[in-house]
Amino acid sequence: MRTRHGAGQAPRDRREAAGRAPSSRQIIWSTLRVTGSITALGAAYYLMPLDHFAASSCVIVLFVGLGVFVALVALQLRSILRSSHPGLRAVEALAISTPFFLLLFAATYVTLAAQSSANFGGHLSHTDSLYFTVTVFSTVGFGDITAKSDPARLVVTVQMLVDLIVLGLALKIFVGAVRRSRERRSTGPGAGARAGEEGAD
């Protein structure tokens, strides 16, 4: 009987933890992970000699990067479903995935601008490209930087289409994962037994 009680204690602790708000320590660790990830991504972006990449390498990096982005989202979904605090984990997932997505396209624009001044009407620095990427992502479109050649416009079109997926579908998927995780933990095995124990008391 003691063994059975001990075996069921861990799942019960996880279900009870899921019903509580994350502690300040968990929030701090989550913030540190997000900050560290964004810092590492930003450093890699600014340190890479993107203006020396060949055009073919640019295309390969873009599509490989999009594949990595999809894999990253899939891993984040898995961690949300398994987390005792899925809401906090979802916020962390978005805070890491979105900068990765933006920097991926910013890197592509740096390379395209270096290949030919006709692509964007001149040279784009790393900061210029990041700025342009964010304006496209936010649909602001100031017009100070514009895609002028067909290849550049094609890449920008790809970003705009994927933006719709990131802003709509990905957010919906993360929210749905949080909801499923909470529902599964509240109605999981042992929930009925726990209710019976509380009624007996």
N, C-alpha and C. Protein backbone atom coordinates (compact mmCIF):
# COMPACT_ATOMS: atom_id res chain seq x y z
N MET A 1 0.84 -1.20 0.00
CA MET A 1 0.00 0.00 0.00
C MET A 1 0.87 1.25 0.00
N ARG A 2 2.00 1.22 0.71
CA ARG A 2 2.89 2.38 0.75
C ARG A 2 3.51 2.63 -0.61
N THR A 3 3.83 1.51 -1.31
CA THR A 3 4.43 1.65 -2.64
C THR A 3 3.44 2.27 -3.60
N ARG A 4 2.16 1.81 -3.53
CA ARG A 4 1.14 2.36 -4.41
C ARG A 4 0.92 3.83 -4.12
N HIS A 5 0.93 4.18 -2.85
CA HIS A 5 0.75 5.58 -2.47
C HIS A 5 1.90 6.44 -2.98
N GLY A 6 3.13 5.92 -2.86
CA GLY A 6 4.29 6.66 -3.34
C GLY A 6 4.28 6.83 -4.84
N ALA A 7 3.83 5.79 -5.57
CA ALA A 7 3.79 5.85 -7.03
C ALA A 7 2.79 6.88 -7.51
N GLY A 8 1.69 7.01 -6.76
CA GLY A 8 0.67 7.97 -7.19
C GLY A 8 0.91 9.38 -6.70
N GLN A 9 1.91 9.53 -5.82
CA GLN A 9 2.14 10.85 -5.24
C GLN A 9 2.70 11.83 -6.26
N ALA A 10 3.64 11.35 -7.13
CA ALA A 10 4.27 12.25 -8.10
C ALA A 10 3.27 12.82 -9.09
N PRO A 11 2.42 11.98 -9.73
CA PRO A 11 1.42 12.56 -10.63
C PRO A 11 0.50 13.54 -9.92
N ARG A 12 0.14 13.22 -8.65
CA ARG A 12 -0.74 14.12 -7.91
C ARG A 12 -0.04 15.45 -7.68
N ASP A 13 1.28 15.40 -7.35
CA ASP A 13 2.02 16.64 -7.14
C ASP A 13 2.07 17.47 -8.41
N ARG A 14 2.24 16.81 -9.57
CA ARG A 14 2.29 17.54 -10.83
C ARG A 14 0.96 18.18 -11.14
N ARG A 15 -0.16 17.46 -10.84
CA ARG A 15 -1.49 18.04 -11.09
C ARG A 15 -1.74 19.23 -10.18
N GLU A 16 -1.30 19.09 -8.92
CA GLU A 16 -1.50 20.20 -7.99
C GLU A 16 -0.64 21.40 -8.39
N ALA A 17 0.58 21.14 -8.91
CA ALA A 17 1.45 22.23 -9.35
C ALA A 17 0.85 22.94 -10.55
N ALA A 18 0.14 22.16 -11.40
CA ALA A 18 -0.48 22.76 -12.58
C ALA A 18 -1.59 23.72 -12.21
N GLY A 19 -2.20 23.50 -11.04
CA GLY A 19 -3.28 24.37 -10.63
C GLY A 19 -2.81 25.65 -9.96
N ARG A 20 -1.51 25.73 -9.66
CA ARG A 20 -0.98 26.91 -9.00
C ARG A 20 -0.31 27.83 -10.01
N ALA A 21 -0.24 29.10 -9.67
CA ALA A 21 0.46 30.05 -10.53
C ALA A 21 1.97 29.79 -10.41
N PRO A 22 2.72 30.07 -11.49
CA PRO A 22 4.17 29.85 -11.42
C PRO A 22 4.80 30.72 -10.34
N SER A 23 5.81 30.17 -9.69
CA SER A 23 6.48 30.91 -8.63
C SER A 23 7.38 31.99 -9.24
N SER A 24 7.82 32.91 -8.40
CA SER A 24 8.71 33.97 -8.87
C SER A 24 10.03 33.39 -9.38
N ARG A 25 10.47 32.30 -8.78
CA ARG A 25 11.71 31.66 -9.23
C ARG A 25 11.54 31.09 -10.63
N GLN A 26 10.40 30.45 -10.91
CA GLN A 26 10.15 29.91 -12.25
C GLN A 26 10.05 31.03 -13.28
N ILE A 27 9.43 32.14 -12.92
CA ILE A 27 9.32 33.28 -13.84
C ILE A 27 10.70 33.85 -14.12
N ILE A 28 11.54 33.93 -13.10
CA ILE A 28 12.89 34.47 -13.28
C ILE A 28 13.70 33.58 -14.22
N TRP A 29 13.63 32.25 -14.00
CA TRP A 29 14.37 31.32 -14.85
C TRP A 29 13.87 31.39 -16.29
N SER A 30 12.56 31.51 -16.45
CA SER A 30 12.00 31.63 -17.80
C SER A 30 12.49 32.91 -18.48
N THR A 31 12.51 34.00 -17.72
CA THR A 31 13.00 35.28 -18.26
C THR A 31 14.47 35.19 -18.64
N LEU A 32 15.25 34.51 -17.82
CA LEU A 32 16.68 34.35 -18.12
C LEU A 32 16.89 33.51 -19.37
N ARG A 33 16.08 32.45 -19.54
CA ARG A 33 16.20 31.61 -20.73
C ARG A 33 15.86 32.41 -21.99
N VAL A 34 14.80 33.20 -21.92
CA VAL A 34 14.40 34.02 -23.07
C VAL A 34 15.48 35.05 -23.38
N THR A 35 15.95 35.74 -22.35
CA THR A 35 16.98 36.76 -22.54
C THR A 35 18.25 36.16 -23.13
N GLY A 36 18.66 35.00 -22.61
CA GLY A 36 19.86 34.34 -23.11
C GLY A 36 19.71 33.91 -24.56
N SER A 37 18.54 33.37 -24.90
CA SER A 37 18.30 32.92 -26.27
C SER A 37 18.30 34.09 -27.25
N ILE A 38 17.61 35.18 -26.88
CA ILE A 38 17.56 36.35 -27.77
C ILE A 38 18.94 36.97 -27.92
N THR A 39 19.71 37.02 -26.83
CA THR A 39 21.06 37.57 -26.89
C THR A 39 21.95 36.74 -27.80
N ALA A 40 21.85 35.41 -27.69
CA ALA A 40 22.66 34.52 -28.52
C ALA A 40 22.27 34.65 -30.00
N LEU A 41 20.97 34.71 -30.27
CA LEU A 41 20.52 34.87 -31.65
C LEU A 41 20.97 36.20 -32.24
N GLY A 42 20.81 37.28 -31.46
CA GLY A 42 21.22 38.60 -31.92
C GLY A 42 22.71 38.68 -32.17
N ALA A 43 23.51 38.09 -31.28
CA ALA A 43 24.96 38.10 -31.44
C ALA A 43 25.37 37.33 -32.70
N ALA A 44 24.75 36.17 -32.91
CA ALA A 44 25.06 35.38 -34.11
C ALA A 44 24.70 36.15 -35.37
N TYR A 45 23.57 36.84 -35.34
CA TYR A 45 23.12 37.61 -36.50
C TYR A 45 24.09 38.74 -36.84
N TYR A 46 24.52 39.48 -35.84
CA TYR A 46 25.41 40.63 -36.09
C TYR A 46 26.85 40.21 -36.36
N LEU A 47 27.26 39.05 -35.90
CA LEU A 47 28.64 38.61 -36.10
C LEU A 47 28.85 37.85 -37.40
N MET A 48 27.78 37.30 -37.96
CA MET A 48 27.93 36.53 -39.20
C MET A 48 28.22 37.46 -40.38
N PRO A 49 29.17 37.09 -41.24
CA PRO A 49 29.49 37.92 -42.42
C PRO A 49 28.46 37.69 -43.54
N LEU A 50 27.25 38.10 -43.30
CA LEU A 50 26.16 37.81 -44.23
C LEU A 50 26.34 38.48 -45.59
N ASP A 51 27.02 39.62 -45.60
CA ASP A 51 27.20 40.34 -46.86
C ASP A 51 28.25 39.69 -47.76
N HIS A 52 28.84 38.58 -47.29
CA HIS A 52 29.80 37.83 -48.10
C HIS A 52 29.23 36.49 -48.57
N PHE A 53 27.98 36.22 -48.24
CA PHE A 53 27.36 34.97 -48.66
C PHE A 53 26.98 35.03 -50.14
N ALA A 54 27.03 33.88 -50.79
CA ALA A 54 26.58 33.80 -52.19
C ALA A 54 25.07 33.76 -52.23
N ALA A 55 24.49 34.09 -53.38
CA ALA A 55 23.03 34.10 -53.53
C ALA A 55 22.44 32.72 -53.29
N SER A 56 23.13 31.69 -53.80
CA SER A 56 22.63 30.32 -53.61
C SER A 56 22.63 29.95 -52.13
N SER A 57 23.66 30.37 -51.40
CA SER A 57 23.72 30.10 -49.97
C SER A 57 22.59 30.78 -49.23
N CYS A 58 22.23 31.96 -49.72
CA CYS A 58 21.14 32.72 -49.09
C CYS A 58 19.83 31.94 -49.15
N VAL A 59 19.53 31.39 -50.34
CA VAL A 59 18.30 30.62 -50.51
C VAL A 59 18.31 29.38 -49.64
N ILE A 60 19.45 28.70 -49.60
CA ILE A 60 19.56 27.47 -48.80
C ILE A 60 19.37 27.78 -47.32
N VAL A 61 20.04 28.85 -46.86
CA VAL A 61 19.93 29.23 -45.45
C VAL A 61 18.49 29.58 -45.10
N LEU A 62 17.79 30.27 -46.00
CA LEU A 62 16.41 30.66 -45.73
C LEU A 62 15.51 29.44 -45.56
N PHE A 63 15.58 28.50 -46.49
CA PHE A 63 14.68 27.36 -46.42
C PHE A 63 15.08 26.38 -45.31
N VAL A 64 16.38 26.23 -45.08
CA VAL A 64 16.81 25.40 -43.94
C VAL A 64 16.38 26.05 -42.63
N GLY A 65 16.51 27.38 -42.58
CA GLY A 65 16.09 28.10 -41.38
C GLY A 65 14.61 27.98 -41.13
N LEU A 66 13.80 28.03 -42.18
CA LEU A 66 12.35 27.84 -42.01
C LEU A 66 12.04 26.44 -41.50
N GLY A 67 12.81 25.46 -41.98
CA GLY A 67 12.63 24.09 -41.47
C GLY A 67 12.98 24.00 -40.00
N VAL A 68 14.07 24.67 -39.60
CA VAL A 68 14.46 24.71 -38.19
C VAL A 68 13.39 25.41 -37.36
N PHE A 69 12.80 26.46 -37.93
CA PHE A 69 11.74 27.20 -37.22
C PHE A 69 10.54 26.30 -36.96
N VAL A 70 10.14 25.51 -37.97
CA VAL A 70 9.01 24.59 -37.81
C VAL A 70 9.34 23.55 -36.74
N ALA A 71 10.57 23.02 -36.77
CA ALA A 71 10.98 22.04 -35.76
C ALA A 71 10.99 22.66 -34.37
N LEU A 72 11.43 23.92 -34.28
CA LEU A 72 11.45 24.63 -32.99
C LEU A 72 10.05 24.78 -32.43
N VAL A 73 9.10 25.16 -33.31
CA VAL A 73 7.71 25.31 -32.87
C VAL A 73 7.16 23.97 -32.39
N ALA A 74 7.48 22.89 -33.11
CA ALA A 74 7.00 21.56 -32.73
C ALA A 74 7.55 21.17 -31.35
N LEU A 75 8.83 21.43 -31.11
CA LEU A 75 9.43 21.12 -29.80
C LEU A 75 8.80 21.97 -28.70
N GLN A 76 8.52 23.23 -29.02
CA GLN A 76 7.90 24.10 -28.03
C GLN A 76 6.49 23.61 -27.68
N LEU A 77 5.75 23.14 -28.69
CA LEU A 77 4.41 22.61 -28.43
C LEU A 77 4.47 21.40 -27.50
N ARG A 78 5.44 20.55 -27.76
CA ARG A 78 5.60 19.36 -26.92
C ARG A 78 5.89 19.74 -25.47
N SER A 79 6.76 20.75 -25.30
CA SER A 79 7.11 21.17 -23.94
C SER A 79 5.93 21.85 -23.25
N ILE A 80 5.09 22.56 -24.03
CA ILE A 80 3.91 23.19 -23.44
C ILE A 80 2.95 22.13 -22.92
N LEU A 81 2.73 21.09 -23.71
CA LEU A 81 1.81 20.03 -23.32
C LEU A 81 2.28 19.28 -22.09
N ARG A 82 3.60 19.21 -21.89
CA ARG A 82 4.15 18.47 -20.75
C ARG A 82 4.43 19.35 -19.53
N SER A 83 4.34 20.66 -19.72
CA SER A 83 4.71 21.57 -18.64
C SER A 83 3.63 21.63 -17.56
N SER A 84 4.06 21.83 -16.32
CA SER A 84 3.10 22.02 -15.23
C SER A 84 2.56 23.44 -15.22
N HIS A 85 3.21 24.33 -15.98
CA HIS A 85 2.75 25.72 -16.13
C HIS A 85 2.74 26.06 -17.62
N PRO A 86 1.78 25.53 -18.36
CA PRO A 86 1.76 25.68 -19.83
C PRO A 86 1.65 27.13 -20.29
N GLY A 87 0.95 27.98 -19.53
CA GLY A 87 0.82 29.37 -19.92
C GLY A 87 2.16 30.07 -19.97
N LEU A 88 2.95 29.89 -18.91
CA LEU A 88 4.29 30.48 -18.85
C LEU A 88 5.17 29.91 -19.95
N ARG A 89 5.05 28.62 -20.19
CA ARG A 89 5.87 27.97 -21.23
C ARG A 89 5.49 28.48 -22.61
N ALA A 90 4.22 28.77 -22.84
CA ALA A 90 3.78 29.29 -24.14
C ALA A 90 4.33 30.69 -24.39
N VAL A 91 4.32 31.51 -23.36
CA VAL A 91 4.88 32.86 -23.49
C VAL A 91 6.37 32.78 -23.81
N GLU A 92 7.06 31.88 -23.14
CA GLU A 92 8.49 31.69 -23.39
C GLU A 92 8.72 31.20 -24.81
N ALA A 93 7.88 30.29 -25.29
CA ALA A 93 8.02 29.76 -26.64
C ALA A 93 7.87 30.86 -27.69
N LEU A 94 6.87 31.71 -27.53
CA LEU A 94 6.66 32.81 -28.47
C LEU A 94 7.81 33.81 -28.40
N ALA A 95 8.33 34.06 -27.21
CA ALA A 95 9.41 35.04 -27.03
C ALA A 95 10.72 34.55 -27.64
N ILE A 96 10.86 33.25 -27.84
CA ILE A 96 12.07 32.71 -28.46
C ILE A 96 11.87 32.49 -29.96
N SER A 97 10.71 31.95 -30.34
CA SER A 97 10.46 31.61 -31.74
C SER A 97 10.35 32.85 -32.63
N THR A 98 9.69 33.90 -32.15
CA THR A 98 9.48 35.09 -32.98
C THR A 98 10.80 35.79 -33.34
N PRO A 99 11.72 36.05 -32.39
CA PRO A 99 13.00 36.64 -32.79
C PRO A 99 13.78 35.77 -33.76
N PHE A 100 13.73 34.46 -33.59
CA PHE A 100 14.42 33.56 -34.52
C PHE A 100 13.87 33.76 -35.93
N PHE A 101 12.56 33.83 -36.06
CA PHE A 101 11.90 34.02 -37.35
C PHE A 101 12.30 35.36 -37.97
N LEU A 102 12.28 36.43 -37.19
CA LEU A 102 12.60 37.75 -37.71
C LEU A 102 14.06 37.85 -38.14
N LEU A 103 14.96 37.31 -37.33
CA LEU A 103 16.38 37.38 -37.66
C LEU A 103 16.71 36.53 -38.88
N LEU A 104 15.96 35.47 -39.10
CA LEU A 104 16.18 34.63 -40.27
C LEU A 104 15.94 35.43 -41.55
N PHE A 105 14.83 36.15 -41.61
CA PHE A 105 14.55 36.95 -42.80
C PHE A 105 15.45 38.18 -42.88
N ALA A 106 15.81 38.76 -41.74
CA ALA A 106 16.73 39.89 -41.75
C ALA A 106 18.08 39.47 -42.34
N ALA A 107 18.54 38.29 -41.99
CA ALA A 107 19.80 37.78 -42.54
C ALA A 107 19.68 37.60 -44.06
N THR A 108 18.54 37.15 -44.51
CA THR A 108 18.32 36.97 -45.95
C THR A 108 18.38 38.30 -46.68
N TYR A 109 17.80 39.33 -46.10
CA TYR A 109 17.79 40.65 -46.74
C TYR A 109 19.19 41.27 -46.78
N VAL A 110 19.99 41.06 -45.74
CA VAL A 110 21.37 41.55 -45.76
C VAL A 110 22.12 40.94 -46.94
N THR A 111 21.96 39.63 -47.12
CA THR A 111 22.65 38.94 -48.20
C THR A 111 22.17 39.40 -49.56
N LEU A 112 20.84 39.54 -49.71
CA LEU A 112 20.30 40.00 -50.99
C LEU A 112 20.78 41.40 -51.35
N ALA A 113 20.80 42.28 -50.38
CA ALA A 113 21.25 43.65 -50.64
C ALA A 113 22.72 43.70 -51.01
N ALA A 114 23.52 42.78 -50.44
CA ALA A 114 24.94 42.74 -50.75
C ALA A 114 25.19 42.16 -52.15
N GLN A 115 24.30 41.29 -52.60
CA GLN A 115 24.46 40.69 -53.92
C GLN A 115 24.28 41.71 -55.04
N SER A 116 23.30 42.60 -54.88
CA SER A 116 23.04 43.60 -55.91
C SER A 116 22.32 44.80 -55.29
N SER A 117 22.76 45.99 -55.64
CA SER A 117 22.11 47.19 -55.14
C SER A 117 20.71 47.35 -55.71
N ALA A 118 20.43 46.60 -56.81
CA ALA A 118 19.11 46.69 -57.44
C ALA A 118 18.03 46.01 -56.60
N ASN A 119 18.42 45.15 -55.67
CA ASN A 119 17.43 44.42 -54.88
C ASN A 119 16.66 45.34 -53.94
N PHE A 120 17.37 46.25 -53.28
CA PHE A 120 16.73 47.18 -52.34
C PHE A 120 17.12 48.64 -52.60
N GLY A 121 17.76 48.88 -53.71
CA GLY A 121 18.15 50.25 -54.03
C GLY A 121 19.40 50.71 -53.33
N GLY A 122 20.15 49.80 -52.74
CA GLY A 122 21.38 50.17 -52.06
C GLY A 122 21.78 49.14 -51.02
N HIS A 123 22.84 49.43 -50.31
CA HIS A 123 23.35 48.53 -49.27
C HIS A 123 22.45 48.58 -48.03
N LEU A 124 22.27 47.42 -47.41
CA LEU A 124 21.52 47.35 -46.15
C LEU A 124 22.45 46.81 -45.07
N SER A 125 22.57 47.54 -43.97
CA SER A 125 23.33 47.03 -42.83
C SER A 125 22.48 46.00 -42.10
N HIS A 126 23.09 45.35 -41.11
CA HIS A 126 22.33 44.38 -40.31
C HIS A 126 21.14 45.06 -39.64
N THR A 127 21.37 46.26 -39.13
CA THR A 127 20.28 46.98 -38.45
C THR A 127 19.20 47.40 -39.44
N ASP A 128 19.61 47.86 -40.64
CA ASP A 128 18.64 48.22 -41.68
C ASP A 128 17.74 47.04 -42.02
N SER A 129 18.35 45.88 -42.19
CA SER A 129 17.59 44.68 -42.57
C SER A 129 16.64 44.24 -41.46
N LEU A 130 17.11 44.32 -40.21
CA LEU A 130 16.25 43.96 -39.08
C LEU A 130 15.08 44.93 -38.99
N TYR A 131 15.35 46.21 -39.18
CA TYR A 131 14.31 47.23 -39.17
C TYR A 131 13.27 46.96 -40.27
N PHE A 132 13.75 46.65 -41.48
CA PHE A 132 12.84 46.36 -42.59
C PHE A 132 12.01 45.11 -42.30
N THR A 133 12.65 44.10 -41.74
CA THR A 133 11.94 42.85 -41.42
C THR A 133 10.81 43.09 -40.43
N VAL A 134 11.08 43.90 -39.41
CA VAL A 134 10.06 44.18 -38.39
C VAL A 134 8.92 45.01 -38.97
N THR A 135 9.24 45.95 -39.87
CA THR A 135 8.16 46.75 -40.48
C THR A 135 7.26 45.88 -41.35
N VAL A 136 7.85 44.91 -42.05
CA VAL A 136 7.04 43.99 -42.85
C VAL A 136 6.21 43.10 -41.93
N PHE A 137 6.83 42.62 -40.87
CA PHE A 137 6.14 41.73 -39.92
C PHE A 137 4.96 42.43 -39.26
N SER A 138 5.15 43.70 -38.92
CA SER A 138 4.10 44.45 -38.24
C SER A 138 3.13 45.11 -39.20
N THR A 139 3.37 44.93 -40.50
CA THR A 139 2.54 45.49 -41.59
C THR A 139 2.50 47.02 -41.55
N VAL A 140 3.54 47.65 -40.98
CA VAL A 140 3.59 49.11 -40.94
C VAL A 140 3.96 49.65 -42.32
N GLY A 141 5.09 49.18 -42.86
CA GLY A 141 5.49 49.56 -44.20
C GLY A 141 5.68 51.04 -44.40
N PHE A 142 6.73 51.63 -43.82
CA PHE A 142 6.98 53.06 -43.94
C PHE A 142 7.35 53.46 -45.37
N GLY A 143 7.93 52.54 -46.11
CA GLY A 143 8.29 52.85 -47.50
C GLY A 143 9.67 53.41 -47.68
N ASP A 144 10.44 53.59 -46.58
CA ASP A 144 11.80 54.10 -46.72
C ASP A 144 12.74 53.04 -47.27
N ILE A 145 12.43 51.77 -47.01
CA ILE A 145 13.17 50.65 -47.60
C ILE A 145 12.15 49.78 -48.33
N THR A 146 12.39 49.52 -49.60
CA THR A 146 11.44 48.71 -50.38
C THR A 146 12.20 47.71 -51.24
N ALA A 147 11.56 46.58 -51.49
CA ALA A 147 12.12 45.58 -52.40
C ALA A 147 11.88 46.04 -53.83
N LYS A 148 12.95 46.10 -54.64
CA LYS A 148 12.84 46.66 -55.97
C LYS A 148 12.98 45.62 -57.08
N SER A 149 13.74 44.55 -56.83
CA SER A 149 13.92 43.52 -57.85
C SER A 149 12.93 42.38 -57.62
N ASP A 150 12.73 41.56 -58.64
CA ASP A 150 11.82 40.42 -58.52
C ASP A 150 12.26 39.42 -57.45
N PRO A 151 13.57 39.05 -57.39
CA PRO A 151 13.97 38.12 -56.32
C PRO A 151 13.71 38.67 -54.92
N ALA A 152 14.00 39.97 -54.71
CA ALA A 152 13.77 40.57 -53.39
C ALA A 152 12.29 40.60 -53.07
N ARG A 153 11.47 40.96 -54.05
CA ARG A 153 10.03 40.99 -53.82
C ARG A 153 9.47 39.60 -53.54
N LEU A 154 10.06 38.60 -54.17
CA LEU A 154 9.61 37.22 -53.93
C LEU A 154 9.89 36.81 -52.49
N VAL A 155 11.08 37.14 -51.98
CA VAL A 155 11.43 36.80 -50.60
C VAL A 155 10.53 37.55 -49.63
N VAL A 156 10.28 38.83 -49.90
CA VAL A 156 9.40 39.62 -49.03
C VAL A 156 7.99 39.04 -49.05
N THR A 157 7.54 38.58 -50.21
CA THR A 157 6.21 37.95 -50.30
C THR A 157 6.15 36.69 -49.46
N VAL A 158 7.23 35.90 -49.50
CA VAL A 158 7.30 34.70 -48.67
C VAL A 158 7.19 35.08 -47.20
N GLN A 159 7.92 36.13 -46.81
CA GLN A 159 7.84 36.55 -45.40
C GLN A 159 6.43 36.97 -45.03
N MET A 160 5.76 37.74 -45.90
CA MET A 160 4.41 38.20 -45.58
C MET A 160 3.44 37.04 -45.43
N LEU A 161 3.60 36.01 -46.27
CA LEU A 161 2.73 34.83 -46.17
C LEU A 161 3.00 34.06 -44.88
N VAL A 162 4.29 33.91 -44.56
CA VAL A 162 4.63 33.19 -43.32
C VAL A 162 4.25 34.02 -42.10
N ASP A 163 4.30 35.36 -42.23
CA ASP A 163 3.85 36.23 -41.14
C ASP A 163 2.42 35.91 -40.74
N LEU A 164 1.57 35.72 -41.75
CA LEU A 164 0.17 35.41 -41.48
C LEU A 164 0.04 34.10 -40.71
N ILE A 165 0.91 33.15 -41.05
CA ILE A 165 0.89 31.86 -40.35
C ILE A 165 1.36 32.03 -38.91
N VAL A 166 2.45 32.79 -38.73
CA VAL A 166 3.01 32.99 -37.39
C VAL A 166 2.03 33.75 -36.51
N LEU A 167 1.46 34.84 -37.06
CA LEU A 167 0.56 35.67 -36.28
C LEU A 167 -0.78 34.97 -35.99
N GLY A 168 -1.23 34.17 -36.94
CA GLY A 168 -2.53 33.53 -36.78
C GLY A 168 -2.45 32.10 -36.28
N LEU A 169 -1.95 31.21 -37.13
CA LEU A 169 -1.98 29.78 -36.84
C LEU A 169 -1.10 29.41 -35.65
N ALA A 170 0.15 29.92 -35.63
CA ALA A 170 1.06 29.54 -34.56
C ALA A 170 0.53 29.98 -33.20
N LEU A 171 0.02 31.21 -33.13
CA LEU A 171 -0.53 31.70 -31.86
C LEU A 171 -1.73 30.87 -31.44
N LYS A 172 -2.57 30.52 -32.40
CA LYS A 172 -3.74 29.70 -32.10
C LYS A 172 -3.32 28.32 -31.61
N ILE A 173 -2.28 27.76 -32.22
CA ILE A 173 -1.79 26.44 -31.82
C ILE A 173 -1.24 26.48 -30.40
N PHE A 174 -0.47 27.52 -30.07
CA PHE A 174 0.09 27.63 -28.73
C PHE A 174 -1.01 27.77 -27.68
N VAL A 175 -2.00 28.62 -27.98
CA VAL A 175 -3.11 28.80 -27.04
C VAL A 175 -3.89 27.50 -26.87
N GLY A 176 -4.11 26.80 -27.98
CA GLY A 176 -4.81 25.50 -27.91
C GLY A 176 -4.03 24.48 -27.11
N ALA A 177 -2.70 24.50 -27.25
CA ALA A 177 -1.87 23.57 -26.48
C ALA A 177 -1.96 23.85 -25.00
N VAL A 178 -1.98 25.12 -24.62
CA VAL A 178 -2.13 25.49 -23.22
C VAL A 178 -3.47 24.98 -22.68
N ARG A 179 -4.53 25.17 -23.46
CA ARG A 179 -5.87 24.75 -23.03
C ARG A 179 -5.94 23.23 -22.88
N ARG A 180 -5.39 22.51 -23.86
CA ARG A 180 -5.41 21.04 -23.79
C ARG A 180 -4.61 20.53 -22.60
N SER A 181 -3.47 21.17 -22.35
CA SER A 181 -2.64 20.74 -21.23
C SER A 181 -3.37 20.92 -19.90
N ARG A 182 -4.05 22.05 -19.75
CA ARG A 182 -4.78 22.30 -18.51
C ARG A 182 -5.97 21.38 -18.36
N GLU A 183 -6.68 21.13 -19.45
CA GLU A 183 -7.83 20.23 -19.39
C GLU A 183 -7.40 18.82 -19.07
N ARG A 184 -6.29 18.37 -19.69
CA ARG A 184 -5.83 17.01 -19.45
C ARG A 184 -5.39 16.81 -18.02
N ARG A 185 -4.76 17.83 -17.44
CA ARG A 185 -4.30 17.70 -16.07
C ARG A 185 -5.44 17.78 -15.06
N SER A 186 -6.48 18.55 -15.41
CA SER A 186 -7.61 18.67 -14.49
C SER A 186 -8.53 17.46 -14.55
N THR A 187 -8.54 16.75 -15.69
CA THR A 187 -9.42 15.59 -15.85
C THR A 187 -8.63 14.31 -16.04
N GLY A 188 -7.33 14.33 -15.75
CA GLY A 188 -6.48 13.17 -15.97
C GLY A 188 -6.76 12.06 -14.99
N PRO A 189 -6.06 10.91 -15.17
CA PRO A 189 -6.23 9.78 -14.26
C PRO A 189 -5.94 10.17 -12.83
N GLY A 190 -6.81 9.81 -11.96
CA GLY A 190 -6.64 10.12 -10.54
C GLY A 190 -7.46 11.30 -10.10
N ALA A 191 -8.01 12.07 -11.09
CA ALA A 191 -8.81 13.23 -10.70
C ALA A 191 -10.08 12.78 -9.98
N GLY A 192 -10.70 11.72 -10.50
CA GLY A 192 -11.90 11.20 -9.85
C GLY A 192 -11.61 10.62 -8.49
N ALA A 193 -10.47 9.93 -8.38
CA ALA A 193 -10.10 9.35 -7.08
C ALA A 193 -9.83 10.44 -6.07
N ARG A 194 -9.19 11.53 -6.55
CA ARG A 194 -8.90 12.63 -5.65
C ARG A 194 -10.20 13.28 -5.14
N ALA A 195 -11.18 13.40 -6.07
CA ALA A 195 -12.47 13.97 -5.68
C ALA A 195 -13.16 13.07 -4.65
N GLY A 196 -13.01 11.73 -4.82
CA GLY A 196 -13.61 10.81 -3.87
C GLY A 196 -12.98 10.93 -2.50
N GLU A 197 -11.64 11.11 -2.51
CA GLU A 197 -10.96 11.24 -1.23
C GLU A 197 -11.41 12.50 -0.50
N GLU A 198 -11.58 13.61 -1.30
CA GLU A 198 -12.00 14.84 -0.67
C GLU A 198 -13.44 14.71 -0.13
N GLY A 199 -14.31 13.94 -0.85
CA GLY A 199 -15.69 13.75 -0.39
C GLY A 199 -15.74 12.92 0.87
N ALA A 200 -14.83 11.93 0.95
CA ALA A 200 -14.80 11.06 2.13
C ALA A 200 -14.35 11.84 3.36
N ASP A 201 -13.44 12.81 3.11
CA ASP A 201 -12.99 13.62 4.24
C ASP A 201 -14.13 14.50 4.74
